Amino acid sequence: MCSLLHVTDVNFEETIQNNKLVLIDFWATWCGPCRALAPTIDELAQEYTGKALIGKLDVDENSSTAEKFQVFSIPTLILFKDGQEVERLVGLCTKPSITAIIDKHSK
């Protein structure tokens, strides 16, 4: 079972406030690097079940949240801890670099 959450402008605040550690992938369907990153995000969602919530937010369909967090390039991964942004990765990242920031804040 995959625990990947599709985050929207409507459920974004509730998602980051109600979960201790949340990684959001800001992406779009037309973005090649976003599509390349998608399998890694899916793997992370499964591997971090119970430890961190992994979600995806389509910037075209949810532009107000993307604008609020000044996401100008995609993919952008933002890690939230206790509702606050603690890390940000921009561009196509490796799985080890993503797991490193999640692990750093999950202690």
C-alpha atoms as a PDB file:
ATOM      1  CA  MET A   1       0.000   0.000   0.000  1.00  0.00           C
ATOM      2  CA  CYS A   2       1.325   3.408  -0.976  1.00  0.00           C
ATOM      3  CA  SER A   3       0.923   6.244   1.476  1.00  0.00           C
ATOM      4  CA  LEU A   4       1.569   8.994  -1.090  1.00  0.00           C
ATOM      5  CA  LEU A   5      -0.819  11.866  -0.471  1.00  0.00           C
ATOM      6  CA  HIS A   6      -2.067  14.210  -3.175  1.00  0.00           C
ATOM      7  CA  VAL A   7      -1.973  17.618  -1.540  1.00  0.00           C
ATOM      8  CA  THR A   8      -4.076  20.559  -2.732  1.00  0.00           C
ATOM      9  CA  ASP A   9      -4.575  24.205  -1.795  1.00  0.00           C
ATOM     10  CA  VAL A  10      -7.589  23.002   0.213  1.00  0.00           C
ATOM     11  CA  ASN A  11      -5.854  20.372   2.388  1.00  0.00           C
ATOM     12  CA  PHE A  12      -2.298  21.764   2.480  1.00  0.00           C
ATOM     13  CA  GLU A  13      -2.383  23.618   5.820  1.00  0.00           C
ATOM     14  CA  GLU A  14      -4.225  20.775   7.542  1.00  0.00           C
ATOM     15  CA  THR A  15      -1.686  18.291   6.147  1.00  0.00           C
ATOM     16  CA  ILE A  16       1.411  20.106   7.407  1.00  0.00           C
ATOM     17  CA  GLN A  17      -0.151  21.042  10.757  1.00  0.00           C
ATOM     18  CA  ASN A  18      -1.504  17.557  11.582  1.00  0.00           C
ATOM     19  CA  ASN A  19       1.671  15.603  10.767  1.00  0.00           C
ATOM     20  CA  LYS A  20       5.038  15.978  12.485  1.00  0.00           C
ATOM     21  CA  LEU A  21       7.177  15.520   9.359  1.00  0.00           C
ATOM     22  CA  VAL A  22       5.887  16.159   5.825  1.00  0.00           C
ATOM     23  CA  LEU A  23       7.786  16.188   2.529  1.00  0.00           C
ATOM     24  CA  ILE A  24       5.895  17.883  -0.294  1.00  0.00           C
ATOM     25  CA  ASP A  25       6.929  17.437  -3.931  1.00  0.00           C
ATOM     26  CA  PHE A  26       5.866  20.547  -5.886  1.00  0.00           C
ATOM     27  CA  TRP A  27       5.544  19.324  -9.475  1.00  0.00           C
ATOM     28  CA  ALA A  28       3.589  19.577 -12.756  1.00  0.00           C
ATOM     29  CA  THR A  29       2.540  17.021 -15.356  1.00  0.00           C
ATOM     30  CA  TRP A  30       4.467  18.786 -18.170  1.00  0.00           C
ATOM     31  CA  CYS A  31       7.753  18.835 -16.207  1.00  0.00           C
ATOM     32  CA  GLY A  32      10.250  16.197 -17.386  1.00  0.00           C
ATOM     33  CA  PRO A  33      12.460  16.272 -14.265  1.00  0.00           C
ATOM     34  CA  CYS A  34       9.294  16.030 -12.124  1.00  0.00           C
ATOM     35  CA  ARG A  35       8.256  12.877 -13.972  1.00  0.00           C
ATOM     36  CA  ALA A  36      11.788  11.484 -13.573  1.00  0.00           C
ATOM     37  CA  LEU A  37      11.589  12.103  -9.807  1.00  0.00           C
ATOM     38  CA  ALA A  38       8.118  10.538  -9.417  1.00  0.00           C
ATOM     39  CA  PRO A  39       9.256   6.893  -8.926  1.00  0.00           C
ATOM     40  CA  THR A  40      11.649   8.024  -6.178  1.00  0.00           C
ATOM     41  CA  ILE A  41       8.848   9.948  -4.442  1.00  0.00           C
ATOM     42  CA  ASP A  42       6.626   6.844  -4.636  1.00  0.00           C
ATOM     43  CA  GLU A  43       9.404   4.712  -3.088  1.00  0.00           C
ATOM     44  CA  LEU A  44       9.940   7.234  -0.293  1.00  0.00           C
ATOM     45  CA  ALA A  45       6.205   7.278   0.466  1.00  0.00           C
ATOM     46  CA  GLN A  46       6.324   3.529   1.049  1.00  0.00           C
ATOM     47  CA  GLU A  47       9.634   3.490   2.921  1.00  0.00           C
ATOM     48  CA  TYR A  48       8.698   6.311   5.302  1.00  0.00           C
ATOM     49  CA  THR A  49       5.180   5.133   6.144  1.00  0.00           C
ATOM     50  CA  GLY A  50       4.653   5.885   9.818  1.00  0.00           C
ATOM     51  CA  LYS A  51       7.772   8.089  10.007  1.00  0.00           C
ATOM     52  CA  ALA A  52       7.046  10.911   7.564  1.00  0.00           C
ATOM     53  CA  LEU A  53       4.188  11.845   5.278  1.00  0.00           C
ATOM     54  CA  ILE A  54       5.169  12.182   1.625  1.00  0.00           C
ATOM     55  CA  GLY A  55       2.892  14.229  -0.612  1.00  0.00           C
ATOM     56  CA  LYS A  56       2.711  15.721  -4.091  1.00  0.00           C
ATOM     57  CA  LEU A  57       1.248  19.096  -4.999  1.00  0.00           C
ATOM     58  CA  ASP A  58       0.533  19.934  -8.644  1.00  0.00           C
ATOM     59  CA  VAL A  59       1.586  23.586  -9.005  1.00  0.00           C
ATOM     60  CA  ASP A  60      -0.711  24.172 -11.993  1.00  0.00           C
ATOM     61  CA  GLU A  61      -3.812  23.057 -10.101  1.00  0.00           C
ATOM     62  CA  ASN A  62      -2.748  24.549  -6.737  1.00  0.00           C
ATOM     63  CA  SER A  63      -0.976  27.779  -7.597  1.00  0.00           C
ATOM     64  CA  SER A  64      -1.800  29.678  -4.409  1.00  0.00           C
ATOM     65  CA  THR A  65       0.185  27.249  -2.228  1.00  0.00           C
ATOM     66  CA  ALA A  66       3.086  27.247  -4.710  1.00  0.00           C
ATOM     67  CA  GLU A  67       3.078  31.066  -4.701  1.00  0.00           C
ATOM     68  CA  LYS A  68       2.883  31.233  -0.896  1.00  0.00           C
ATOM     69  CA  PHE A  69       6.075  29.184  -0.612  1.00  0.00           C
ATOM     70  CA  GLN A  70       7.728  30.975  -3.551  1.00  0.00           C
ATOM     71  CA  VAL A  71       8.158  27.837  -5.624  1.00  0.00           C
ATOM     72  CA  PHE A  72       9.570  29.245  -8.862  1.00  0.00           C
ATOM     73  CA  SER A  73      11.325  26.146 -10.192  1.00  0.00           C
ATOM     74  CA  ILE A  74      10.078  22.582 -10.207  1.00  0.00           C
ATOM     75  CA  PRO A  75      10.556  20.025  -8.991  1.00  0.00           C
ATOM     76  CA  THR A  76      10.914  21.590  -5.551  1.00  0.00           C
ATOM     77  CA  LEU A  77      10.821  19.418  -2.450  1.00  0.00           C
ATOM     78  CA  ILE A  78       9.990  21.147   0.815  1.00  0.00           C
ATOM     79  CA  LEU A  79      10.280  19.379   4.155  1.00  0.00           C
ATOM     80  CA  PHE A  80       7.996  20.629   6.918  1.00  0.00           C
ATOM     81  CA  LYS A  81       8.480  19.779  10.582  1.00  0.00           C
ATOM     82  CA  ASP A  82       5.746  20.723  13.062  1.00  0.00           C
ATOM     83  CA  GLY A  83       4.130  22.878  10.348  1.00  0.00           C
ATOM     84  CA  GLN A  84       7.276  24.885   9.540  1.00  0.00           C
ATOM     85  CA  GLU A  85       9.572  24.650   6.510  1.00  0.00           C
ATOM     86  CA  VAL A  86      12.932  23.215   7.588  1.00  0.00           C
ATOM     87  CA  GLU A  87      14.571  22.132   4.307  1.00  0.00           C
ATOM     88  CA  ARG A  88      14.164  22.758   0.579  1.00  0.00           C
ATOM     89  CA  LEU A  89      15.647  20.933  -2.411  1.00  0.00           C
ATOM     90  CA  VAL A  90      15.221  22.379  -5.903  1.00  0.00           C
ATOM     91  CA  GLY A  91      15.686  20.388  -9.098  1.00  0.00           C
ATOM     92  CA  LEU A  92      16.070  16.706  -9.803  1.00  0.00           C
ATOM     93  CA  CYS A  93      17.572  15.293  -6.596  1.00  0.00           C
ATOM     94  CA  THR A  94      19.016  11.901  -5.823  1.00  0.00           C
ATOM     95  CA  LYS A  95      17.226   9.593  -3.456  1.00  0.00           C
ATOM     96  CA  PRO A  96      20.135   9.652  -0.945  1.00  0.00           C
ATOM     97  CA  SER A  97      20.034  13.462  -0.804  1.00  0.00           C
ATOM     98  CA  ILE A  98      16.286  13.372  -0.097  1.00  0.00           C
ATOM     99  CA  THR A  99      16.509  10.630   2.527  1.00  0.00           C
ATOM    100  CA  ALA A 100      19.365  12.544   4.208  1.00  0.00           C
ATOM    101  CA  ILE A 101      17.178  15.578   4.920  1.00  0.00           C
ATOM    102  CA  ILE A 102      14.215  13.454   6.049  1.00  0.00           C
ATOM    103  CA  ASP A 103      16.425  11.378   8.345  1.00  0.00           C
ATOM    104  CA  LYS A 104      18.119  14.494   9.747  1.00  0.00           C
ATOM    105  CA  HIS A 105      14.770  15.882  10.927  1.00  0.00           C
ATOM    106  CA  SER A 106      13.130  12.617  11.973  1.00  0.00           C
ATOM    107  CA  LYS A 107      15.376  12.222  15.010  1.00  0.00           C
END
